[in-house]
Amino acid sequence: MSFDMEFDDDLEQRRLQRLEHRLRRAKNVLAGARSVYGSLRESPGASALQVHQALLQVERAQRHLLDIQFDLELAEAQAAAPRGRSDPDQWRDAGS
């Protein structure tokens, strides 16, 4: 294996590891946001604004988690693809 391919493999592996770390963090953030929202919903002293803001935080955390999951799946698919034979239409057609 050439140095360039080894270097590319190393970069690819580190990218996957970073994405997996971001995914774990996003799951933790979502769990925390859900916990805060649940606590506020059950708290008689919580204002409607606090509950609404907590709900928005849950929604943002869910979107962020989905974005990271998509990025990770895409990176894994690219890593599994044979080298040098990339089909540029593959990802465009997948969204149709």
PDB file of N, CA and C in Angstrom:
ATOM      1  N   MET A   1       0.856  -1.170   0.000  1.00  0.00           N
ATOM      2  CA  MET A   1       0.000   0.000   0.000  1.00  0.00           C
ATOM      3  C   MET A   1       0.903   1.235   0.000  1.00  0.00           C
ATOM      4  N   SER A   2       0.584   2.216  -0.824  1.00  0.00           N
ATOM      5  CA  SER A   2       1.411   3.404  -0.911  1.00  0.00           C
ATOM      6  C   SER A   2       1.180   4.306   0.296  1.00  0.00           C
ATOM      7  N   PHE A   3       2.129   5.202   0.478  1.00  0.00           N
ATOM      8  CA  PHE A   3       2.043   6.132   1.600  1.00  0.00           C
ATOM      9  C   PHE A   3       0.779   6.977   1.500  1.00  0.00           C
ATOM     10  N   ASP A   4       0.444   7.429   0.297  1.00  0.00           N
ATOM     11  CA  ASP A   4      -0.753   8.272   0.114  1.00  0.00           C
ATOM     12  C   ASP A   4      -2.019   7.535   0.512  1.00  0.00           C
ATOM     13  N   MET A   5      -2.114   6.262   0.144  1.00  0.00           N
ATOM     14  CA  MET A   5      -3.309   5.496   0.498  1.00  0.00           C
ATOM     15  C   MET A   5      -3.378   5.273   2.004  1.00  0.00           C
ATOM     16  N   GLU A   6      -2.215   5.008   2.630  1.00  0.00           N
ATOM     17  CA  GLU A   6      -2.191   4.835   4.077  1.00  0.00           C
ATOM     18  C   GLU A   6      -2.594   6.131   4.775  1.00  0.00           C
ATOM     19  N   PHE A   7      -2.089   7.243   4.270  1.00  0.00           N
ATOM     20  CA  PHE A   7      -2.428   8.548   4.832  1.00  0.00           C
ATOM     21  C   PHE A   7      -3.921   8.823   4.681  1.00  0.00           C
ATOM     22  N   ASP A   8      -4.467   8.539   3.506  1.00  0.00           N
ATOM     23  CA  ASP A   8      -5.903   8.722   3.273  1.00  0.00           C
ATOM     24  C   ASP A   8      -6.734   7.832   4.190  1.00  0.00           C
ATOM     25  N   ASP A   9      -6.295   6.592   4.366  1.00  0.00           N
ATOM     26  CA  ASP A   9      -7.008   5.677   5.263  1.00  0.00           C
ATOM     27  C   ASP A   9      -6.987   6.188   6.696  1.00  0.00           C
ATOM     28  N   ASP A  10      -5.846   6.721   7.108  1.00  0.00           N
ATOM     29  CA  ASP A  10      -5.715   7.262   8.458  1.00  0.00           C
ATOM     30  C   ASP A  10      -6.643   8.462   8.641  1.00  0.00           C
ATOM     31  N   LEU A  11      -6.658   9.343   7.667  1.00  0.00           N
ATOM     32  CA  LEU A  11      -7.555  10.507   7.737  1.00  0.00           C
ATOM     33  C   LEU A  11      -9.010  10.074   7.786  1.00  0.00           C
ATOM     34  N   GLU A  12      -9.339   9.111   6.963  1.00  0.00           N
ATOM     35  CA  GLU A  12     -10.702   8.591   6.916  1.00  0.00           C
ATOM     36  C   GLU A  12     -11.104   7.979   8.259  1.00  0.00           C
ATOM     37  N   GLN A  13     -10.199   7.216   8.846  1.00  0.00           N
ATOM     38  CA  GLN A  13     -10.465   6.585  10.139  1.00  0.00           C
ATOM     39  C   GLN A  13     -10.648   7.635  11.232  1.00  0.00           C
ATOM     40  N   ARG A  14      -9.794   8.650  11.226  1.00  0.00           N
ATOM     41  CA  ARG A  14      -9.931   9.714  12.234  1.00  0.00           C
ATOM     42  C   ARG A  14     -11.226  10.488  12.043  1.00  0.00           C
ATOM     43  N   ARG A  15     -11.624  10.701  10.811  1.00  0.00           N
ATOM     44  CA  ARG A  15     -12.888  11.397  10.553  1.00  0.00           C
ATOM     45  C   ARG A  15     -14.060  10.582  11.095  1.00  0.00           C
ATOM     46  N   LEU A  16     -14.041   9.286  10.861  1.00  0.00           N
ATOM     47  CA  LEU A  16     -15.100   8.421  11.385  1.00  0.00           C
ATOM     48  C   LEU A  16     -15.114   8.449  12.912  1.00  0.00           C
ATOM     49  N   GLN A  17     -13.953   8.433  13.521  1.00  0.00           N
ATOM     50  CA  GLN A  17     -13.885   8.475  14.985  1.00  0.00           C
ATOM     51  C   GLN A  17     -14.432   9.791  15.523  1.00  0.00           C
ATOM     52  N   ARG A  18     -14.094  10.906  14.845  1.00  0.00           N
ATOM     53  CA  ARG A  18     -14.630  12.211  15.273  1.00  0.00           C
ATOM     54  C   ARG A  18     -16.146  12.243  15.153  1.00  0.00           C
ATOM     55  N   LEU A  19     -16.662  11.710  14.055  1.00  0.00           N
ATOM     56  CA  LEU A  19     -18.108  11.685  13.872  1.00  0.00           C
ATOM     57  C   LEU A  19     -18.787  10.806  14.924  1.00  0.00           C
ATOM     58  N   GLU A  20     -18.174   9.679  15.246  1.00  0.00           N
ATOM     59  CA  GLU A  20     -18.742   8.806  16.280  1.00  0.00           C
ATOM     60  C   GLU A  20     -18.736   9.507  17.644  1.00  0.00           C
ATOM     61  N   HIS A  21     -17.682  10.259  17.913  1.00  0.00           N
ATOM     62  CA  HIS A  21     -17.611  11.017  19.166  1.00  0.00           C
ATOM     63  C   HIS A  21     -18.693  12.099  19.184  1.00  0.00           C
ATOM     64  N   ARG A  22     -18.843  12.807  18.072  1.00  0.00           N
ATOM     65  CA  ARG A  22     -19.897  13.830  17.979  1.00  0.00           C
ATOM     66  C   ARG A  22     -21.275  13.205  18.152  1.00  0.00           C
ATOM     67  N   LEU A  23     -21.464  12.000  17.622  1.00  0.00           N
ATOM     68  CA  LEU A  23     -22.745  11.311  17.752  1.00  0.00           C
ATOM     69  C   LEU A  23     -23.035  10.995  19.218  1.00  0.00           C
ATOM     70  N   ARG A  24     -22.047  10.489  19.928  1.00  0.00           N
ATOM     71  CA  ARG A  24     -22.240  10.200  21.361  1.00  0.00           C
ATOM     72  C   ARG A  24     -22.569  11.474  22.136  1.00  0.00           C
ATOM     73  N   ARG A  25     -21.837  12.544  21.840  1.00  0.00           N
ATOM     74  CA  ARG A  25     -22.109  13.816  22.517  1.00  0.00           C
ATOM     75  C   ARG A  25     -23.514  14.312  22.207  1.00  0.00           C
ATOM     76  N   ALA A  26     -23.928  14.222  20.947  1.00  0.00           N
ATOM     77  CA  ALA A  26     -25.261  14.687  20.551  1.00  0.00           C
ATOM     78  C   ALA A  26     -26.346  13.878  21.250  1.00  0.00           C
ATOM     79  N   LYS A  27     -26.118  12.573  21.414  1.00  0.00           N
ATOM     80  CA  LYS A  27     -27.092  11.744  22.133  1.00  0.00           C
ATOM     81  C   LYS A  27     -27.192  12.182  23.589  1.00  0.00           C
ATOM     82  N   ASN A  28     -26.052  12.507  24.200  1.00  0.00           N
ATOM     83  CA  ASN A  28     -26.056  12.977  25.579  1.00  0.00           C
ATOM     84  C   ASN A  28     -26.748  14.329  25.717  1.00  0.00           C
ATOM     85  N   VAL A  29     -26.502  15.214  24.764  1.00  0.00           N
ATOM     86  CA  VAL A  29     -27.150  16.529  24.782  1.00  0.00           C
ATOM     87  C   VAL A  29     -28.656  16.366  24.647  1.00  0.00           C
ATOM     88  N   LEU A  30     -29.089  15.494  23.757  1.00  0.00           N
ATOM     89  CA  LEU A  30     -30.521  15.253  23.574  1.00  0.00           C
ATOM     90  C   LEU A  30     -31.133  14.671  24.843  1.00  0.00           C
ATOM     91  N   ALA A  31     -30.455  13.732  25.465  1.00  0.00           N
ATOM     92  CA  ALA A  31     -30.972  13.148  26.710  1.00  0.00           C
ATOM     93  C   ALA A  31     -31.099  14.218  27.789  1.00  0.00           C
ATOM     94  N   GLY A  32     -30.118  15.098  27.872  1.00  0.00           N
ATOM     95  CA  GLY A  32     -30.175  16.182  28.846  1.00  0.00           C
ATOM     96  C   GLY A  32     -31.305  17.144  28.567  1.00  0.00           C
ATOM     97  N   ALA A  33     -31.479  17.496  27.299  1.00  0.00           N
ATOM     98  CA  ALA A  33     -32.554  18.420  26.917  1.00  0.00           C
ATOM     99  C   ALA A  33     -33.920  17.802  27.212  1.00  0.00           C
ATOM    100  N   ARG A  34     -34.070  16.520  26.940  1.00  0.00           N
ATOM    101  CA  ARG A  34     -35.335  15.843  27.245  1.00  0.00           C
ATOM    102  C   ARG A  34     -35.589  15.808  28.742  1.00  0.00           C
ATOM    103  N   SER A  35     -34.541  15.615  29.518  1.00  0.00           N
ATOM    104  CA  SER A  35     -34.671  15.582  30.969  1.00  0.00           C
ATOM    105  C   SER A  35     -35.125  16.938  31.506  1.00  0.00           C
ATOM    106  N   VAL A  36     -34.512  17.997  31.018  1.00  0.00           N
ATOM    107  CA  VAL A  36     -34.896  19.346  31.437  1.00  0.00           C
ATOM    108  C   VAL A  36     -36.340  19.628  31.045  1.00  0.00           C
ATOM    109  N   TYR A  37     -36.686  19.292  29.826  1.00  0.00           N
ATOM    110  CA  TYR A  37     -38.063  19.517  29.356  1.00  0.00           C
ATOM    111  C   TYR A  37     -39.066  18.744  30.213  1.00  0.00           C
ATOM    112  N   GLY A  38     -38.770  17.472  30.495  1.00  0.00           N
ATOM    113  CA  GLY A  38     -39.668  16.669  31.319  1.00  0.00           C
ATOM    114  C   GLY A  38     -39.818  17.232  32.721  1.00  0.00           C
ATOM    115  N   SER A  39     -38.712  17.681  33.285  1.00  0.00           N
ATOM    116  CA  SER A  39     -38.767  18.265  34.625  1.00  0.00           C
ATOM    117  C   SER A  39     -39.585  19.544  34.638  1.00  0.00           C
ATOM    118  N   LEU A  40     -39.388  20.375  33.641  1.00  0.00           N
ATOM    119  CA  LEU A  40     -40.138  21.633  33.589  1.00  0.00           C
ATOM    120  C   LEU A  40     -41.626  21.397  33.382  1.00  0.00           C
ATOM    121  N   ARG A  41     -41.956  20.403  32.550  1.00  0.00           N
ATOM    122  CA  ARG A  41     -43.384  20.107  32.330  1.00  0.00           C
ATOM    123  C   ARG A  41     -44.079  19.684  33.616  1.00  0.00           C
ATOM    124  N   GLU A  42     -43.348  18.993  34.472  1.00  0.00           N
ATOM    125  CA  GLU A  42     -43.937  18.495  35.711  1.00  0.00           C
ATOM    126  C   GLU A  42     -43.845  19.498  36.854  1.00  0.00           C
ATOM    127  N   SER A  43     -43.064  20.549  36.655  1.00  0.00           N
ATOM    128  CA  SER A  43     -42.872  21.536  37.710  1.00  0.00           C
ATOM    129  C   SER A  43     -44.001  22.565  37.689  1.00  0.00           C
ATOM    130  N   PRO A  44     -44.702  22.725  38.810  1.00  0.00           N
ATOM    131  CA  PRO A  44     -45.793  23.704  38.834  1.00  0.00           C
ATOM    132  C   PRO A  44     -45.290  25.143  38.752  1.00  0.00           C
ATOM    133  N   GLY A  45     -44.035  25.383  39.096  1.00  0.00           N
ATOM    134  CA  GLY A  45     -43.500  26.738  39.079  1.00  0.00           C
ATOM    135  C   GLY A  45     -42.911  27.157  37.752  1.00  0.00           C
ATOM    136  N   ALA A  46     -42.872  26.266  36.790  1.00  0.00           N
ATOM    137  CA  ALA A  46     -42.276  26.589  35.489  1.00  0.00           C
ATOM    138  C   ALA A  46     -43.250  27.398  34.649  1.00  0.00           C
ATOM    139  N   SER A  47     -42.723  28.434  34.020  1.00  0.00           N
ATOM    140  CA  SER A  47     -43.568  29.250  33.148  1.00  0.00           C
ATOM    141  C   SER A  47     -43.730  28.576  31.791  1.00  0.00           C
ATOM    142  N   ALA A  48     -44.735  29.029  31.071  1.00  0.00           N
ATOM    143  CA  ALA A  48     -44.975  28.497  29.721  1.00  0.00           C
ATOM    144  C   ALA A  48     -43.784  28.802  28.820  1.00  0.00           C
ATOM    145  N   LEU A  49     -43.146  29.934  29.027  1.00  0.00           N
ATOM    146  CA  LEU A  49     -41.984  30.314  28.226  1.00  0.00           C
ATOM    147  C   LEU A  49     -40.820  29.356  28.486  1.00  0.00           C
ATOM    148  N   GLN A  50     -40.579  29.006  29.749  1.00  0.00           N
ATOM    149  CA  GLN A  50     -39.507  28.070  30.070  1.00  0.00           C
ATOM    150  C   GLN A  50     -39.748  26.707  29.420  1.00  0.00           C
ATOM    151  N   VAL A  51     -40.982  26.243  29.491  1.00  0.00           N
ATOM    152  CA  VAL A  51     -41.321  24.943  28.898  1.00  0.00           C
ATOM    153  C   VAL A  51     -41.148  25.003  27.384  1.00  0.00           C
ATOM    154  N   HIS A  52     -41.589  26.094  26.787  1.00  0.00           N
ATOM    155  CA  HIS A  52     -41.470  26.254  25.333  1.00  0.00           C
ATOM    156  C   HIS A  52     -40.000  26.291  24.910  1.00  0.00           C
ATOM    157  N   GLN A  53     -39.183  27.038  25.646  1.00  0.00           N
ATOM    158  CA  GLN A  53     -37.758  27.112  25.313  1.00  0.00           C
ATOM    159  C   GLN A  53     -37.083  25.748  25.478  1.00  0.00           C
ATOM    160  N   ALA A  54     -37.485  25.003  26.478  1.00  0.00           N
ATOM    161  CA  ALA A  54     -36.930  23.659  26.674  1.00  0.00           C
ATOM    162  C   ALA A  54     -37.334  22.741  25.530  1.00  0.00           C
ATOM    163  N   LEU A  55     -38.575  22.877  25.068  1.00  0.00           N
ATOM    164  CA  LEU A  55     -39.030  22.085  23.927  1.00  0.00           C
ATOM    165  C   LEU A  55     -38.241  22.436  22.672  1.00  0.00           C
ATOM    166  N   LEU A  56     -37.981  23.720  22.461  1.00  0.00           N
ATOM    167  CA  LEU A  56     -37.176  24.138  21.308  1.00  0.00           C
ATOM    168  C   LEU A  56     -35.765  23.559  21.395  1.00  0.00           C
ATOM    169  N   GLN A  57     -35.225  23.502  22.594  1.00  0.00           N
ATOM    170  CA  GLN A  57     -33.892  22.919  22.779  1.00  0.00           C
ATOM    171  C   GLN A  57     -33.896  21.429  22.428  1.00  0.00           C
ATOM    172  N   VAL A  58     -34.945  20.725  22.798  1.00  0.00           N
ATOM    173  CA  VAL A  58     -35.070  19.306  22.446  1.00  0.00           C
ATOM    174  C   VAL A  58     -35.122  19.151  20.926  1.00  0.00           C
ATOM    175  N   GLU A  59     -35.915  19.990  20.280  1.00  0.00           N
ATOM    176  CA  GLU A  59     -36.036  19.911  18.825  1.00  0.00           C
ATOM    177  C   GLU A  59     -34.705  20.201  18.137  1.00  0.00           C
ATOM    178  N   ARG A  60     -33.968  21.214  18.632  1.00  0.00           N
ATOM    179  CA  ARG A  60     -32.648  21.516  18.059  1.00  0.00           C
ATOM    180  C   ARG A  60     -31.687  20.341  18.248  1.00  0.00           C
ATOM    181  N   ALA A  61     -31.718  19.750  19.428  1.00  0.00           N
ATOM    182  CA  ALA A  61     -30.830  18.615  19.706  1.00  0.00           C
ATOM    183  C   ALA A  61     -31.175  17.425  18.812  1.00  0.00           C
ATOM    184  N   GLN A  62     -32.471  17.209  18.560  1.00  0.00           N
ATOM    185  CA  GLN A  62     -32.879  16.113  17.676  1.00  0.00           C
ATOM    186  C   GLN A  62     -32.388  16.346  16.255  1.00  0.00           C
ATOM    187  N   ARG A  63     -32.529  17.584  15.762  1.00  0.00           N
ATOM    188  CA  ARG A  63     -32.061  17.898  14.408  1.00  0.00           C
ATOM    189  C   ARG A  63     -30.552  17.730  14.295  1.00  0.00           C
ATOM    190  N   HIS A  64     -29.844  18.193  15.312  1.00  0.00           N
ATOM    191  CA  HIS A  64     -28.387  18.072  15.302  1.00  0.00           C
ATOM    192  C   HIS A  64     -27.979  16.597  15.295  1.00  0.00           C
ATOM    193  N   LEU A  65     -28.641  15.788  16.078  1.00  0.00           N
ATOM    194  CA  LEU A  65     -28.353  14.352  16.117  1.00  0.00           C
ATOM    195  C   LEU A  65     -28.607  13.718  14.751  1.00  0.00           C
ATOM    196  N   LEU A  66     -29.706  14.055  14.124  1.00  0.00           N
ATOM    197  CA  LEU A  66     -30.007  13.505  12.799  1.00  0.00           C
ATOM    198  C   LEU A  66     -28.963  13.924  11.767  1.00  0.00           C
ATOM    199  N   ASP A  67     -28.514  15.175  11.845  1.00  0.00           N
ATOM    200  CA  ASP A  67     -27.484  15.645  10.918  1.00  0.00           C
ATOM    201  C   ASP A  67     -26.197  14.844  11.085  1.00  0.00           C
ATOM    202  N   ILE A  68     -25.811  14.609  12.320  1.00  0.00           N
ATOM    203  CA  ILE A  68     -24.586  13.854  12.582  1.00  0.00           C
ATOM    204  C   ILE A  68     -24.742  12.406  12.133  1.00  0.00           C
ATOM    205  N   GLN A  69     -25.911  11.816  12.370  1.00  0.00           N
ATOM    206  CA  GLN A  69     -26.149  10.440  11.923  1.00  0.00           C
ATOM    207  C   GLN A  69     -26.031  10.348  10.405  1.00  0.00           C
ATOM    208  N   PHE A  70     -26.587  11.329   9.702  1.00  0.00           N
ATOM    209  CA  PHE A  70     -26.493  11.335   8.243  1.00  0.00           C
ATOM    210  C   PHE A  70     -25.035  11.458   7.803  1.00  0.00           C
ATOM    211  N   ASP A  71     -24.288  12.387   8.428  1.00  0.00           N
ATOM    212  CA  ASP A  71     -22.879  12.570   8.081  1.00  0.00           C
ATOM    213  C   ASP A  71     -22.084  11.292   8.317  1.00  0.00           C
ATOM    214  N   LEU A  72     -22.357  10.628   9.430  1.00  0.00           N
ATOM    215  CA  LEU A  72     -21.646   9.390   9.752  1.00  0.00           C
ATOM    216  C   LEU A  72     -21.980   8.288   8.753  1.00  0.00           C
ATOM    217  N   GLU A  73     -23.253   8.143   8.412  1.00  0.00           N
ATOM    218  CA  GLU A  73     -23.648   7.123   7.433  1.00  0.00           C
ATOM    219  C   GLU A  73     -23.006   7.394   6.077  1.00  0.00           C
ATOM    220  N   LEU A  74     -22.966   8.654   5.683  1.00  0.00           N
ATOM    221  CA  LEU A  74     -22.345   9.020   4.414  1.00  0.00           C
ATOM    222  C   LEU A  74     -20.850   8.711   4.434  1.00  0.00           C
ATOM    223  N   ALA A  75     -20.182   9.069   5.521  1.00  0.00           N
ATOM    224  CA  ALA A  75     -18.744   8.814   5.631  1.00  0.00           C
ATOM    225  C   ALA A  75     -18.453   7.314   5.636  1.00  0.00           C
ATOM    226  N   GLU A  76     -19.296   6.539   6.311  1.00  0.00           N
ATOM    227  CA  GLU A  76     -19.104   5.087   6.330  1.00  0.00           C
ATOM    228  C   GLU A  76     -19.302   4.493   4.932  1.00  0.00           C
ATOM    229  N   ALA A  77     -20.293   5.000   4.218  1.00  0.00           N
ATOM    230  CA  ALA A  77     -20.539   4.511   2.850  1.00  0.00           C
ATOM    231  C   ALA A  77     -19.371   4.869   1.937  1.00  0.00           C
ATOM    232  N   GLN A  78     -18.838   6.068   2.102  1.00  0.00           N
ATOM    233  CA  GLN A  78     -17.693   6.471   1.286  1.00  0.00           C
ATOM    234  C   GLN A  78     -16.465   5.639   1.630  1.00  0.00           C
ATOM    235  N   ALA A  79     -16.300   5.319   2.903  1.00  0.00           N
ATOM    236  CA  ALA A  79     -15.148   4.508   3.314  1.00  0.00           C
ATOM    237  C   ALA A  79     -15.262   3.090   2.768  1.00  0.00           C
ATOM    238  N   ALA A  80     -16.485   2.594   2.635  1.00  0.00           N
ATOM    239  CA  ALA A  80     -16.696   1.233   2.151  1.00  0.00           C
ATOM    240  C   ALA A  80     -16.627   1.144   0.628  1.00  0.00           C
ATOM    241  N   ALA A  81     -16.759   2.282  -0.044  1.00  0.00           N
ATOM    242  CA  ALA A  81     -16.745   2.294  -1.511  1.00  0.00           C
ATOM    243  C   ALA A  81     -15.347   1.963  -2.011  1.00  0.00           C
ATOM    244  N   PRO A  82     -15.261   1.240  -3.124  1.00  0.00           N
ATOM    245  CA  PRO A  82     -13.951   0.940  -3.702  1.00  0.00           C
ATOM    246  C   PRO A  82     -13.240   2.224  -4.108  1.00  0.00           C
ATOM    247  N   ARG A  83     -11.951   2.252  -3.911  1.00  0.00           N
ATOM    248  CA  ARG A  83     -11.150   3.442  -4.242  1.00  0.00           C
ATOM    249  C   ARG A  83     -11.104   3.665  -5.750  1.00  0.00           C
ATOM    250  N   GLY A  84     -11.189   4.937  -6.115  1.00  0.00           N
ATOM    251  CA  GLY A  84     -11.018   5.293  -7.515  1.00  0.00           C
ATOM    252  C   GLY A  84     -12.224   5.040  -8.387  1.00  0.00           C
ATOM    253  N   ARG A  85     -13.301   4.530  -7.828  1.00  0.00           N
ATOM    254  CA  ARG A  85     -14.484   4.241  -8.630  1.00  0.00           C
ATOM    255  C   ARG A  85     -15.694   4.900  -7.997  1.00  0.00           C
ATOM    256  N   SER A  86     -15.614   6.190  -7.843  1.00  0.00           N
ATOM    257  CA  SER A  86     -16.701   6.935  -7.225  1.00  0.00           C
ATOM    258  C   SER A  86     -17.747   7.271  -8.270  1.00  0.00           C
ATOM    259  N   ASP A  87     -18.986   7.041  -7.925  1.00  0.00           N
ATOM    260  CA  ASP A  87     -20.101   7.370  -8.802  1.00  0.00           C
ATOM    261  C   ASP A  87     -20.738   8.648  -8.278  1.00  0.00           C
ATOM    262  N   PRO A  88     -20.510   9.791  -8.936  1.00  0.00           N
ATOM    263  CA  PRO A  88     -21.029  11.055  -8.418  1.00  0.00           C
ATOM    264  C   PRO A  88     -22.551  11.112  -8.383  1.00  0.00           C
ATOM    265  N   ASP A  89     -23.223  10.321  -9.173  1.00  0.00           N
ATOM    266  CA  ASP A  89     -24.688  10.332  -9.189  1.00  0.00           C
ATOM    267  C   ASP A  89     -25.286   9.499  -8.059  1.00  0.00           C
ATOM    268  N   GLN A  90     -24.464   8.721  -7.402  1.00  0.00           N
ATOM    269  CA  GLN A  90     -24.964   7.822  -6.350  1.00  0.00           C
ATOM    270  C   GLN A  90     -25.691   8.611  -5.267  1.00  0.00           C
ATOM    271  N   TRP A  91     -25.117   9.699  -4.765  1.00  0.00           N
ATOM    272  CA  TRP A  91     -25.708  10.437  -3.637  1.00  0.00           C
ATOM    273  C   TRP A  91     -26.834  11.350  -4.118  1.00  0.00           C
ATOM    274  N   ARG A  92     -26.728  11.853  -5.343  1.00  0.00           N
ATOM    275  CA  ARG A  92     -27.778  12.725  -5.867  1.00  0.00           C
ATOM    276  C   ARG A  92     -29.051  11.916  -6.069  1.00  0.00           C
ATOM    277  N   ASP A  93     -28.932  10.692  -6.606  1.00  0.00           N
ATOM    278  CA  ASP A  93     -30.096   9.856  -6.869  1.00  0.00           C
ATOM    279  C   ASP A  93     -30.719   9.342  -5.590  1.00  0.00           C
ATOM    280  N   ALA A  94     -29.924   9.191  -4.523  1.00  0.00           N
ATOM    281  CA  ALA A  94     -30.439   8.663  -3.254  1.00  0.00           C
ATOM    282  C   ALA A  94     -31.457   9.595  -2.632  1.00  0.00           C
ATOM    283  N   GLY A  95     -31.344  10.904  -2.890  1.00  0.00           N
ATOM    284  CA  GLY A  95     -32.273  11.867  -2.303  1.00  0.00           C
ATOM    285  C   GLY A  95     -33.550  12.026  -3.095  1.00  0.00           C
ATOM    286  N   SER A  96     -33.652  11.384  -4.235  1.00  0.00           N
ATOM    287  CA  SER A  96     -34.850  11.552  -5.095  1.00  0.00           C
ATOM    288  C   SER A  96     -36.010  10.744  -4.616  1.00  0.00           C
TER     289      SER A  96
END
